[in-house]
N, C-alpha and C. Protein backbone atom coordinates (compact mmCIF):
# COMPACT_ATOMS: atom_id res chain seq x y z
N MET A 1 164.59 243.60 35.95
CA MET A 1 165.72 242.99 36.67
C MET A 1 167.28 243.31 36.67
N TRP A 2 167.37 244.43 36.11
CA TRP A 2 168.50 245.35 36.55
C TRP A 2 168.26 245.78 37.70
N LEU A 3 166.96 246.23 38.09
CA LEU A 3 166.49 246.99 39.10
C LEU A 3 166.75 246.09 40.45
N GLU A 4 166.44 244.92 40.14
CA GLU A 4 166.45 243.77 41.28
C GLU A 4 167.74 243.48 41.66
N THR A 5 168.76 243.66 40.52
CA THR A 5 170.01 243.46 40.94
C THR A 5 170.45 244.82 41.48
N ARG A 6 170.19 245.95 41.34
CA ARG A 6 171.05 247.07 41.87
C ARG A 6 170.39 246.95 43.19
N LYS A 7 169.16 246.91 43.71
CA LYS A 7 168.39 246.59 45.15
C LYS A 7 168.98 245.43 45.78
N GLY A 8 169.71 244.36 45.30
CA GLY A 8 170.33 243.17 46.22
C GLY A 8 171.58 243.83 46.57
N LYS A 9 172.29 244.15 45.52
CA LYS A 9 173.53 244.90 45.83
C LYS A 9 173.87 246.03 46.51
N THR A 10 172.51 246.82 46.94
CA THR A 10 172.49 248.14 47.99
C THR A 10 172.44 247.20 49.23
N TRP A 11 171.65 246.23 49.02
CA TRP A 11 170.99 245.51 50.61
C TRP A 11 172.48 244.88 51.21
N PHE A 12 173.08 244.02 50.12
CA PHE A 12 174.62 243.45 50.37
C PHE A 12 175.45 244.33 50.94
N ILE A 13 175.82 245.66 50.33
CA ILE A 13 176.50 246.65 50.98
C ILE A 13 176.18 247.42 52.40
N ALA A 14 175.02 247.35 52.00
CA ALA A 14 174.30 247.88 53.78
C ALA A 14 174.74 246.75 54.83
N LEU A 15 174.27 245.57 54.45
CA LEU A 15 174.81 244.40 55.47
C LEU A 15 175.99 244.12 55.71
N ARG A 16 176.93 244.51 54.87
CA ARG A 16 178.36 244.21 55.14
C ARG A 16 178.87 245.33 55.77
N ASN A 17 178.32 246.75 55.48
CA ASN A 17 178.56 247.73 56.20
C ASN A 17 178.18 247.47 58.05
N LEU A 18 177.21 247.10 57.90
CA LEU A 18 176.57 246.90 59.22
C LEU A 18 177.26 245.93 60.36
N ASN A 19 178.00 244.96 59.17
CA ASN A 19 178.73 243.87 59.98
C ASN A 19 180.07 244.33 60.68
N LEU A 20 180.45 245.56 59.67
CA LEU A 20 181.46 246.27 60.12
C LEU A 20 181.62 246.82 60.97
N ILE A 21 180.65 247.54 61.26
CA ILE A 21 180.29 248.18 62.43
C ILE A 21 180.20 247.35 63.92
N THR A 22 179.41 246.41 63.68
CA THR A 22 179.25 245.37 64.81
C THR A 22 180.77 244.98 65.46
N SER A 23 181.15 244.48 64.43
CA SER A 23 182.86 244.16 64.57
C SER A 23 183.43 244.84 65.33
N LYS A 24 183.52 246.24 64.92
CA LYS A 24 184.24 247.53 65.66
C LYS A 24 183.99 247.58 67.11
N ASN A 25 182.40 247.47 67.63
CA ASN A 25 181.90 247.55 68.34
C ASN A 25 182.43 246.47 69.68
N ARG A 26 182.72 245.00 68.80
CA ARG A 26 183.06 244.10 69.45
C ARG A 26 184.39 243.92 69.90
N HIS A 27 185.16 244.33 69.16
CA HIS A 27 186.63 244.42 69.39
C HIS A 27 187.24 246.13 69.09
N PRO A 28 186.89 246.69 70.00
CA PRO A 28 187.61 248.35 69.78
C PRO A 28 188.73 248.23 70.04
N ILE A 29 189.45 249.18 69.11
CA ILE A 29 190.73 248.96 68.93
C ILE A 29 191.45 250.40 70.06
């Protein structure tokens, strides 16, 4: 169960990072 939570958290972080990258590409500073 702990392993499942850790896997889910890692996936969530990766998804969030990907979202940030696409946001930067869409709105370059």
